[in-house]
């Protein structure tokens, strides 16, 4: 059976507060091959690991991240999406994550799109600069559901691998991925079947599936020879496949 990589979703979202350094390190300690995380940019141009447009769900604060400056954001407590977590957790800058996490990890960096183009242009340029400065291009795939993001990334940073995030069949995941010159299809696991895998392979696409927390679904995807699965519970998922003697890359 082909190698299967396990990626932690927003770090280890089910085990520690999502998109925090604690969550990323928890996933790494569990033995993941890589981490999926979300990227947004503050008003003053700092990239952060953060999923939602608004701050409310994870920090209990009002407002949108892209309208706040970094001085404020670094003071917020981002633990509140996971109930009863005992310690305050900061919203980490993307740079701090990439520097402080172990150097063997690979990353899916999902740009949260559907924003005004000047913002997206600036975000993509900042991300390109960060990846180049840290010399981590071989360990990064930049992903998005927003085709405008992927077009812009292809234009200004063609050497950075791209992945199209897709949830629905009607979005034509294979044809859009191919048209945008993507290297990966980041697919909702419900989309993935033998037919999609055959089409993806014919276009040279690798396939990563989200969000997989059910072990039976994980086994089905492993049989289809997907390249990676993204899970909220990397500790349990890794233990399952190690117990099954599933080859892991």
Protein backbone atom coordinates (compact mmCIF):
# COMPACT_ATOMS: atom_id res chain seq x y z
CA UNK A 1 0.00 0.00 0.00
CA UNK A 2 1.25 3.50 -0.86
CA UNK A 3 2.59 5.77 1.85
CA UNK A 4 0.01 7.89 3.65
CA UNK A 5 0.90 11.11 5.43
CA UNK A 6 -1.00 12.35 8.48
CA UNK A 7 -1.39 16.13 8.83
CA UNK A 8 -2.65 17.93 11.91
CA UNK A 9 -5.66 20.17 11.20
CA UNK A 10 -4.95 23.65 12.57
CA UNK A 11 -2.28 21.82 14.53
CA UNK A 12 -4.17 19.35 16.69
CA UNK A 13 -7.54 21.08 16.81
CA UNK A 14 -9.25 18.38 18.87
CA UNK A 15 -6.41 18.17 21.38
CA UNK A 16 -5.34 21.79 21.92
CA UNK A 17 -6.65 25.25 20.94
CA UNK A 18 -6.56 25.50 17.16
CA UNK A 19 -3.97 27.54 15.29
CA UNK A 20 -1.84 28.12 18.36
CA UNK A 21 1.79 27.24 18.88
CA UNK A 22 0.73 24.76 21.56
CA UNK A 23 -1.53 23.03 19.03
CA UNK A 24 1.19 22.86 16.40
CA UNK A 25 3.71 21.46 18.85
CA UNK A 26 1.17 18.92 20.12
CA UNK A 27 0.70 17.66 16.57
CA UNK A 28 4.44 17.51 16.02
CA UNK A 29 4.99 15.57 19.24
CA UNK A 30 2.33 13.08 18.14
CA UNK A 31 4.44 12.36 15.06
CA UNK A 32 2.61 14.08 12.21
CA UNK A 33 4.33 14.54 8.89
CA UNK A 34 2.95 18.03 8.52
CA UNK A 35 0.52 20.68 9.65
CA UNK A 36 -2.41 22.40 7.98
CA UNK A 37 -3.01 25.94 9.16
CA UNK A 38 -4.86 29.07 8.09
CA UNK A 39 -3.29 32.38 7.10
CA UNK A 40 -4.72 35.87 7.54
CA UNK A 41 -3.02 39.27 7.59
CA UNK A 42 -3.35 42.08 10.12
CA UNK A 43 -3.97 45.72 9.31
CA UNK A 44 -0.24 46.43 9.55
CA UNK A 45 0.77 43.55 7.30
CA UNK A 46 1.70 40.79 9.74
CA UNK A 47 0.71 37.23 8.79
CA UNK A 48 -1.06 35.19 11.47
CA UNK A 49 -2.23 31.62 11.90
CA UNK A 50 -5.97 32.23 12.22
CA UNK A 51 -9.05 30.69 10.63
CA UNK A 52 -12.10 32.92 11.04
CA UNK A 53 -12.62 36.35 9.58
CA UNK A 54 -13.82 37.57 12.99
CA UNK A 55 -12.09 37.22 16.35
CA UNK A 56 -15.18 36.20 18.31
CA UNK A 57 -15.13 32.37 18.32
CA UNK A 58 -11.55 31.83 19.47
CA UNK A 59 -10.76 35.02 21.42
CA UNK A 60 -14.22 36.25 22.57
CA UNK A 61 -13.29 39.69 21.21
CA UNK A 62 -15.18 41.78 18.67
CA UNK A 63 -13.98 42.75 15.22
CA UNK A 64 -12.13 41.28 12.25
CA UNK A 65 -8.50 40.28 12.30
CA UNK A 66 -7.60 42.13 9.11
CA UNK A 67 -8.83 45.40 10.68
CA UNK A 68 -6.67 45.05 13.80
CA UNK A 69 -2.98 45.81 14.16
CA UNK A 70 -0.41 43.35 15.42
CA UNK A 71 0.16 45.16 18.72
CA UNK A 72 -3.43 44.37 19.73
CA UNK A 73 -3.57 40.88 18.24
CA UNK A 74 -0.53 39.64 20.14
CA UNK A 75 -2.31 40.44 23.42
CA UNK A 76 -5.43 38.35 22.74
CA UNK A 77 -6.21 34.95 24.24
CA UNK A 78 -7.03 32.43 21.47
CA UNK A 79 -7.90 29.39 23.60
CA UNK A 80 -11.70 29.73 23.65
CA UNK A 81 -12.66 27.40 20.80
CA UNK A 82 -11.63 24.50 23.04
CA UNK A 83 -13.62 24.53 26.26
CA UNK A 84 -11.89 24.54 29.64
CA UNK A 85 -8.37 24.83 28.26
CA UNK A 86 -6.37 25.90 31.33
CA UNK A 87 -3.77 28.22 29.81
CA UNK A 88 -3.90 31.43 27.81
CA UNK A 89 -2.80 30.95 24.21
CA UNK A 90 -1.63 33.71 21.91
CA UNK A 91 -2.51 34.09 18.24
CA UNK A 92 0.86 33.22 16.72
CA UNK A 93 2.42 35.02 13.82
CA UNK A 94 3.06 32.71 10.89
CA UNK A 95 6.75 33.54 11.06
CA UNK A 96 6.97 32.41 14.68
CA UNK A 97 5.25 29.12 13.84
CA UNK A 98 7.59 28.36 10.96
CA UNK A 99 10.64 29.19 13.05
CA UNK A 100 9.66 27.51 16.32
CA UNK A 101 8.18 24.27 15.01
CA UNK A 102 10.55 21.39 14.15
CA UNK A 103 12.35 21.76 10.85
CA UNK A 104 11.21 18.40 9.43
CA UNK A 105 7.54 19.41 9.26
CA UNK A 106 5.76 20.13 6.01
CA UNK A 107 2.98 22.71 5.83
CA UNK A 108 -0.28 23.34 4.05
CA UNK A 109 -0.75 27.09 4.40
CA UNK A 110 -4.35 27.92 3.54
CA UNK A 111 -4.91 31.53 2.57
CA UNK A 112 -8.40 32.55 3.60
CA UNK A 113 -9.58 34.35 0.52
CA UNK A 114 -12.73 36.07 -0.77
CA UNK A 115 -11.37 39.43 0.34
CA UNK A 116 -10.63 42.65 -1.62
CA UNK A 117 -7.84 42.20 -4.14
CA UNK A 118 -5.47 44.82 -2.65
CA UNK A 119 -5.52 42.84 0.61
CA UNK A 120 -4.98 39.52 -1.17
CA UNK A 121 -2.18 40.94 -3.32
CA UNK A 122 -0.38 42.20 -0.23
CA UNK A 123 -0.91 38.93 1.65
CA UNK A 124 0.43 36.80 -1.20
CA UNK A 125 3.47 39.03 -1.55
CA UNK A 126 4.14 38.89 2.20
CA UNK A 127 3.83 35.13 2.18
CA UNK A 128 6.18 34.77 -0.78
CA UNK A 129 8.75 36.93 1.01
CA UNK A 130 8.48 34.90 4.21
CA UNK A 131 8.82 31.54 2.47
CA UNK A 132 11.81 32.80 0.49
CA UNK A 133 13.50 34.37 3.51
CA UNK A 134 13.15 31.20 5.59
CA UNK A 135 14.13 29.01 2.62
CA UNK A 136 11.27 26.56 3.23
CA UNK A 137 9.80 26.31 -0.25
CA UNK A 138 10.36 22.56 -0.38
CA UNK A 139 8.26 22.08 2.74
CA UNK A 140 5.30 24.27 1.83
CA UNK A 141 2.13 24.01 -0.24
CA UNK A 142 0.06 27.20 -0.31
CA UNK A 143 -3.64 26.42 -0.67
CA UNK A 144 -6.89 28.30 -1.07
CA UNK A 145 -10.53 27.87 -2.04
CA UNK A 146 -10.35 31.28 -3.73
CA UNK A 147 -9.16 30.92 -7.32
CA UNK A 148 -8.08 34.57 -7.32
CA UNK A 149 -5.52 33.77 -4.64
CA UNK A 150 -4.15 30.85 -6.63
CA UNK A 151 -3.97 32.89 -9.83
CA UNK A 152 -2.06 35.61 -8.04
CA UNK A 153 0.25 33.12 -6.41
CA UNK A 154 0.97 31.51 -9.77
CA UNK A 155 1.76 34.91 -11.24
CA UNK A 156 4.12 36.29 -8.60
CA UNK A 157 5.50 33.10 -7.04
CA UNK A 158 5.32 30.32 -9.65
CA UNK A 159 7.91 28.19 -7.83
CA UNK A 160 5.77 27.82 -4.70
CA UNK A 161 3.56 24.73 -4.84
CA UNK A 162 -0.18 25.43 -4.92
CA UNK A 163 -3.24 23.48 -3.84
CA UNK A 164 -6.92 24.02 -4.62
CA UNK A 165 -9.24 23.55 -1.64
CA UNK A 166 -12.57 22.11 -2.79
CA UNK A 167 -15.70 20.98 -0.99
CA UNK A 168 -18.21 20.36 -3.80
CA UNK A 169 -18.26 18.37 -7.04
CA UNK A 170 -19.91 21.22 -8.93
CA UNK A 171 -16.76 23.30 -8.38
CA UNK A 172 -15.02 20.92 -10.83
CA UNK A 173 -12.03 20.17 -8.61
CA UNK A 174 -9.83 18.42 -11.17
CA UNK A 175 -10.33 20.84 -14.04
CA UNK A 176 -9.87 23.92 -11.85
CA UNK A 177 -6.77 22.48 -10.20
CA UNK A 178 -5.33 21.69 -13.60
CA UNK A 179 -6.20 25.09 -15.08
CA UNK A 180 -4.54 26.88 -12.16
CA UNK A 181 -1.40 24.78 -12.42
CA UNK A 182 -1.90 23.32 -8.96
CA UNK A 183 0.22 20.52 -7.60
CA UNK A 184 -2.34 19.38 -5.01
CA UNK A 185 -6.08 18.97 -4.70
CA UNK A 186 -7.14 19.57 -1.09
CA UNK A 187 -10.51 17.84 -1.10
CA UNK A 188 -13.35 17.34 1.32
CA UNK A 189 -13.09 13.61 2.02
CA UNK A 190 -16.66 13.04 0.81
CA UNK A 191 -15.60 14.02 -2.73
CA UNK A 192 -12.93 11.38 -2.98
CA UNK A 193 -13.64 8.11 -4.75
CA UNK A 194 -11.84 5.86 -7.22
CA UNK A 195 -12.99 7.91 -10.21
CA UNK A 196 -11.70 11.19 -8.77
CA UNK A 197 -8.40 9.56 -7.82
CA UNK A 198 -7.93 8.23 -11.35
CA UNK A 199 -8.58 11.67 -12.84
CA UNK A 200 -6.27 13.35 -10.33
CA UNK A 201 -3.43 10.96 -11.10
CA UNK A 202 -3.92 11.46 -14.84
CA UNK A 203 -3.27 15.19 -14.28
CA UNK A 204 -0.31 14.62 -11.97
CA UNK A 205 -2.19 15.87 -8.90
CA UNK A 206 -1.57 14.76 -5.36
CA UNK A 207 -4.67 14.48 -3.16
CA UNK A 208 -5.04 15.54 0.46
CA UNK A 209 -8.35 15.01 2.30
CA UNK A 210 -10.00 17.03 5.08
CA UNK A 211 -11.22 16.81 7.79
CA UNK A 212 -10.89 13.11 8.65
CA UNK A 213 -11.68 12.14 12.24
CA UNK A 214 -13.50 8.85 11.63
CA UNK A 215 -11.22 5.82 11.44
CA UNK A 216 -13.44 3.97 8.94
CA UNK A 217 -13.29 6.97 6.60
CA UNK A 218 -9.54 7.11 7.06
CA UNK A 219 -9.25 3.43 6.11
CA UNK A 220 -11.35 4.00 2.99
CA UNK A 221 -9.13 6.86 1.91
CA UNK A 222 -6.00 4.84 2.60
CA UNK A 223 -7.32 2.10 0.31
CA UNK A 224 -7.86 4.73 -2.39
CA UNK A 225 -4.19 5.69 -1.95
CA UNK A 226 -4.69 9.35 -1.19
CA UNK A 227 -1.45 11.12 -0.37
CA UNK A 228 -2.45 12.60 2.97
CA UNK A 229 -5.31 13.06 5.38
CA UNK A 230 -5.89 16.05 7.63
CA UNK A 231 -7.26 15.32 11.10
CA UNK A 232 -8.24 17.12 14.29
CA UNK A 233 -6.94 14.17 16.31
CA UNK A 234 -3.45 13.32 15.05
CA UNK A 235 -2.48 11.32 18.14
CA UNK A 236 -5.33 8.84 17.71
CA UNK A 237 -5.06 8.75 13.92
CA UNK A 238 -1.34 7.99 13.97
CA UNK A 239 -1.81 5.33 16.64
CA UNK A 240 -4.50 3.68 14.54
CA UNK A 241 -2.36 3.34 11.44
CA UNK A 242 0.71 2.30 13.38
CA UNK A 243 -1.33 -0.45 15.02
CA UNK A 244 -2.56 -1.54 11.60
CA UNK A 245 1.03 -1.51 10.31
CA UNK A 246 -0.05 0.97 7.65
CA UNK A 247 3.10 2.26 5.91
CA UNK A 248 3.57 5.90 6.79
CA UNK A 249 5.91 8.15 4.84
